[in-house]
């Protein structure tokens, strides 16, 4: 999943894509595709596994957006998220 993620991050920086939905859905896609390549090769595909990896990928994409993606292509460095404790 690292190589597709790096490509998505590079693309978002290049095109200044800052949409949380972009990062969420691309993360979900990376999760589903990666698990389908791994599990699908053995022939024992279970849609629930795909759903779980899709949800985890969506969450990872949103987490990336929250930390750095919302500043993509703006030329300003990503700021740390304030602690609201």
N, C-alpha and C. Protein backbone atom coordinates (compact mmCIF):
# COMPACT_ATOMS: atom_id res chain seq x y z
N UNK A 1 0.82 -1.21 0.00
CA UNK A 1 0.00 0.00 0.00
C UNK A 1 0.85 1.26 0.00
N UNK A 2 2.13 1.13 0.28
CA UNK A 2 2.99 2.32 0.37
C UNK A 2 3.16 2.98 -0.99
N UNK A 3 3.41 2.20 -2.02
CA UNK A 3 3.66 2.79 -3.35
C UNK A 3 2.42 3.53 -3.87
N UNK A 4 1.22 2.94 -3.86
CA UNK A 4 0.05 3.70 -4.30
C UNK A 4 -0.19 4.95 -3.44
N UNK A 5 0.06 4.85 -2.14
CA UNK A 5 -0.15 6.00 -1.26
C UNK A 5 0.80 7.14 -1.61
N UNK A 6 2.05 6.80 -1.87
CA UNK A 6 3.03 7.83 -2.26
C UNK A 6 2.62 8.49 -3.57
N UNK A 7 2.13 7.69 -4.51
CA UNK A 7 1.68 8.26 -5.78
C UNK A 7 0.48 9.20 -5.59
N UNK A 8 -0.44 8.83 -4.73
CA UNK A 8 -1.61 9.67 -4.46
C UNK A 8 -1.17 10.97 -3.77
N UNK A 9 -0.26 10.86 -2.82
CA UNK A 9 0.23 12.06 -2.13
C UNK A 9 0.94 12.98 -3.11
N UNK A 10 1.78 12.41 -3.97
CA UNK A 10 2.47 13.22 -4.98
C UNK A 10 1.47 13.90 -5.90
N UNK A 11 0.46 13.15 -6.36
CA UNK A 11 -0.55 13.71 -7.24
C UNK A 11 -1.33 14.83 -6.55
N UNK A 12 -1.69 14.63 -5.29
CA UNK A 12 -2.45 15.65 -4.58
C UNK A 12 -1.62 16.92 -4.37
N UNK A 13 -0.33 16.76 -4.13
CA UNK A 13 0.55 17.94 -4.01
C UNK A 13 0.67 18.65 -5.35
N UNK A 14 0.85 17.88 -6.40
CA UNK A 14 1.04 18.46 -7.74
C UNK A 14 -0.19 19.21 -8.21
N UNK A 15 -1.38 18.64 -7.95
CA UNK A 15 -2.63 19.24 -8.42
C UNK A 15 -3.35 20.05 -7.34
N UNK A 16 -2.74 20.18 -6.16
CA UNK A 16 -3.31 20.93 -5.03
C UNK A 16 -4.71 20.42 -4.68
N UNK A 17 -4.85 19.11 -4.59
CA UNK A 17 -6.13 18.50 -4.20
C UNK A 17 -6.19 18.49 -2.69
N UNK A 18 -7.23 19.10 -2.13
CA UNK A 18 -7.36 19.22 -0.68
C UNK A 18 -8.65 18.62 -0.14
N UNK A 19 -9.33 17.85 -0.93
CA UNK A 19 -10.63 17.31 -0.55
C UNK A 19 -10.49 16.11 0.38
N UNK A 20 -11.19 16.17 1.50
CA UNK A 20 -11.20 15.03 2.43
C UNK A 20 -11.84 13.81 1.77
N UNK A 21 -12.81 14.02 0.91
CA UNK A 21 -13.46 12.91 0.22
C UNK A 21 -12.49 12.24 -0.75
N UNK A 22 -11.66 13.03 -1.42
CA UNK A 22 -10.65 12.46 -2.31
C UNK A 22 -9.74 11.51 -1.55
N UNK A 23 -9.18 11.98 -0.44
CA UNK A 23 -8.25 11.15 0.33
C UNK A 23 -8.96 9.95 0.95
N UNK A 24 -10.19 10.14 1.41
CA UNK A 24 -10.94 9.04 2.00
C UNK A 24 -11.26 7.95 1.00
N UNK A 25 -11.80 8.32 -0.15
CA UNK A 25 -12.19 7.32 -1.13
C UNK A 25 -10.99 6.68 -1.82
N UNK A 26 -9.94 7.45 -2.04
CA UNK A 26 -8.73 6.84 -2.61
C UNK A 26 -8.12 5.86 -1.60
N UNK A 27 -8.13 6.22 -0.32
CA UNK A 27 -7.65 5.30 0.71
C UNK A 27 -8.47 4.03 0.74
N UNK A 28 -9.79 4.16 0.63
CA UNK A 28 -10.66 2.98 0.60
C UNK A 28 -10.35 2.12 -0.61
N UNK A 29 -10.15 2.75 -1.75
CA UNK A 29 -9.82 2.01 -2.96
C UNK A 29 -8.51 1.26 -2.84
N UNK A 30 -7.51 1.92 -2.28
CA UNK A 30 -6.21 1.26 -2.07
C UNK A 30 -6.38 0.06 -1.14
N UNK A 31 -7.16 0.21 -0.09
CA UNK A 31 -7.39 -0.89 0.84
C UNK A 31 -8.07 -2.08 0.19
N UNK A 32 -9.12 -1.82 -0.56
CA UNK A 32 -9.87 -2.91 -1.21
C UNK A 32 -9.03 -3.58 -2.30
N UNK A 33 -8.34 -2.80 -3.10
CA UNK A 33 -7.54 -3.38 -4.18
C UNK A 33 -6.38 -4.19 -3.61
N UNK A 34 -5.73 -3.66 -2.57
CA UNK A 34 -4.58 -4.39 -2.03
C UNK A 34 -5.01 -5.73 -1.40
N UNK A 35 -6.11 -5.74 -0.67
CA UNK A 35 -6.54 -7.01 -0.07
C UNK A 35 -7.08 -7.96 -1.14
N UNK A 36 -7.68 -7.42 -2.19
CA UNK A 36 -8.17 -8.31 -3.24
C UNK A 36 -7.01 -8.95 -4.00
N UNK A 37 -5.90 -8.23 -4.14
CA UNK A 37 -4.72 -8.82 -4.78
C UNK A 37 -4.10 -9.90 -3.90
N UNK A 38 -4.09 -9.67 -2.60
CA UNK A 38 -3.50 -10.64 -1.69
C UNK A 38 -4.39 -11.87 -1.48
N UNK A 39 -5.66 -11.64 -1.18
CA UNK A 39 -6.57 -12.74 -0.88
C UNK A 39 -7.11 -13.36 -2.16
N UNK A 40 -7.30 -12.55 -3.18
CA UNK A 40 -7.86 -13.05 -4.43
C UNK A 40 -6.97 -14.05 -5.12
N UNK A 41 -5.68 -13.97 -4.89
CA UNK A 41 -4.75 -14.92 -5.52
C UNK A 41 -4.97 -16.34 -5.02
N UNK A 42 -5.45 -16.48 -3.79
CA UNK A 42 -5.69 -17.82 -3.24
C UNK A 42 -7.09 -18.33 -3.59
N UNK A 43 -7.93 -17.46 -4.11
CA UNK A 43 -9.27 -17.88 -4.51
C UNK A 43 -10.28 -17.88 -3.40
N UNK A 44 -9.94 -17.38 -2.22
CA UNK A 44 -10.88 -17.39 -1.09
C UNK A 44 -11.31 -15.96 -0.74
N UNK A 45 -11.96 -15.29 -1.67
CA UNK A 45 -12.37 -13.90 -1.48
C UNK A 45 -13.65 -13.85 -0.65
N UNK A 46 -13.67 -12.97 0.34
CA UNK A 46 -14.83 -12.76 1.19
C UNK A 46 -15.15 -11.27 1.15
N UNK A 47 -16.36 -10.88 0.73
CA UNK A 47 -16.70 -9.46 0.62
C UNK A 47 -16.57 -8.70 1.95
N UNK A 48 -16.76 -9.39 3.06
CA UNK A 48 -16.64 -8.72 4.37
C UNK A 48 -15.21 -8.24 4.58
N UNK A 49 -14.25 -9.02 4.15
CA UNK A 49 -12.85 -8.61 4.27
C UNK A 49 -12.61 -7.36 3.43
N UNK A 50 -13.14 -7.35 2.23
CA UNK A 50 -13.03 -6.16 1.37
C UNK A 50 -13.64 -4.94 2.01
N UNK A 51 -14.80 -5.11 2.64
CA UNK A 51 -15.46 -4.00 3.32
C UNK A 51 -14.62 -3.49 4.48
N UNK A 52 -14.06 -4.40 5.27
CA UNK A 52 -13.23 -3.99 6.41
C UNK A 52 -12.00 -3.21 5.95
N UNK A 53 -11.34 -3.70 4.90
CA UNK A 53 -10.17 -2.99 4.40
C UNK A 53 -10.55 -1.67 3.74
N UNK A 54 -11.73 -1.61 3.13
CA UNK A 54 -12.21 -0.36 2.56
C UNK A 54 -12.47 0.69 3.63
N UNK A 55 -13.09 0.27 4.73
CA UNK A 55 -13.36 1.20 5.84
C UNK A 55 -12.05 1.65 6.48
N UNK A 56 -11.12 0.71 6.66
CA UNK A 56 -9.82 1.07 7.24
C UNK A 56 -9.05 2.01 6.31
N UNK A 57 -9.12 1.77 5.01
CA UNK A 57 -8.46 2.66 4.04
C UNK A 57 -9.08 4.04 4.03
N UNK A 58 -10.41 4.10 4.14
CA UNK A 58 -11.09 5.40 4.19
C UNK A 58 -10.63 6.18 5.43
N UNK A 59 -10.58 5.49 6.56
CA UNK A 59 -10.13 6.13 7.80
C UNK A 59 -8.68 6.60 7.68
N UNK A 60 -7.84 5.80 7.05
CA UNK A 60 -6.44 6.20 6.86
C UNK A 60 -6.33 7.42 5.95
N UNK A 61 -7.13 7.46 4.91
CA UNK A 61 -7.13 8.62 4.02
C UNK A 61 -7.59 9.88 4.72
N UNK A 62 -8.62 9.77 5.54
CA UNK A 62 -9.11 10.93 6.29
C UNK A 62 -8.07 11.37 7.33
N UNK A 63 -7.41 10.40 7.96
CA UNK A 63 -6.35 10.74 8.92
C UNK A 63 -5.21 11.47 8.23
N UNK A 64 -4.82 11.00 7.05
CA UNK A 64 -3.76 11.70 6.31
C UNK A 64 -4.22 13.12 5.96
N UNK A 65 -5.46 13.27 5.50
CA UNK A 65 -5.96 14.60 5.15
C UNK A 65 -5.92 15.52 6.36
N UNK A 66 -6.31 15.00 7.52
CA UNK A 66 -6.36 15.82 8.73
C UNK A 66 -4.97 16.31 9.12
N UNK A 67 -3.95 15.49 8.90
CA UNK A 67 -2.59 15.86 9.28
C UNK A 67 -1.92 16.71 8.22
N UNK A 68 -2.00 16.32 6.96
CA UNK A 68 -1.21 17.01 5.93
C UNK A 68 -1.99 17.32 4.66
N UNK A 69 -2.98 16.54 4.31
CA UNK A 69 -3.65 16.68 3.03
C UNK A 69 -4.40 17.98 2.83
N UNK A 70 -4.91 18.56 3.88
CA UNK A 70 -5.66 19.80 3.71
C UNK A 70 -4.77 20.97 3.32
N UNK A 71 -3.47 20.79 3.40
CA UNK A 71 -2.52 21.82 2.99
C UNK A 71 -1.83 21.47 1.69
N UNK A 72 -2.33 20.48 0.97
CA UNK A 72 -1.68 19.99 -0.25
C UNK A 72 -1.53 21.09 -1.28
N UNK A 73 -0.32 21.24 -1.77
CA UNK A 73 -0.05 22.18 -2.84
C UNK A 73 -0.15 23.64 -2.49
N UNK A 74 -0.32 23.97 -1.21
CA UNK A 74 -0.48 25.37 -0.83
C UNK A 74 0.85 26.06 -0.60
N UNK A 75 1.93 25.29 -0.54
CA UNK A 75 3.24 25.88 -0.31
C UNK A 75 3.56 26.10 1.15
N UNK A 76 2.58 25.90 2.01
CA UNK A 76 2.83 26.05 3.44
C UNK A 76 3.02 24.68 4.07
N UNK A 77 3.91 24.56 5.04
CA UNK A 77 4.11 23.26 5.67
C UNK A 77 2.91 22.85 6.49
N UNK A 78 2.72 21.55 6.62
CA UNK A 78 1.62 21.04 7.43
C UNK A 78 1.86 21.40 8.88
N UNK A 79 0.82 21.91 9.51
CA UNK A 79 0.90 22.26 10.94
C UNK A 79 0.38 21.11 11.76
N UNK A 80 0.94 20.92 12.95
CA UNK A 80 0.41 19.85 13.81
C UNK A 80 -1.02 20.15 14.24
N UNK A 81 -1.80 19.11 14.41
CA UNK A 81 -3.18 19.26 14.86
C UNK A 81 -3.16 19.61 16.34
N UNK A 82 -3.96 20.63 16.70
CA UNK A 82 -4.00 21.08 18.10
C UNK A 82 -4.61 20.00 18.98
N UNK A 83 -4.07 19.86 20.15
CA UNK A 83 -4.57 18.88 21.11
C UNK A 83 -5.73 19.53 21.88
N UNK A 84 -6.88 18.92 21.81
CA UNK A 84 -8.08 19.47 22.46
C UNK A 84 -8.39 18.76 23.76
N UNK A 85 -7.39 18.35 24.48
CA UNK A 85 -7.62 17.60 25.74
C UNK A 85 -7.99 18.51 26.87
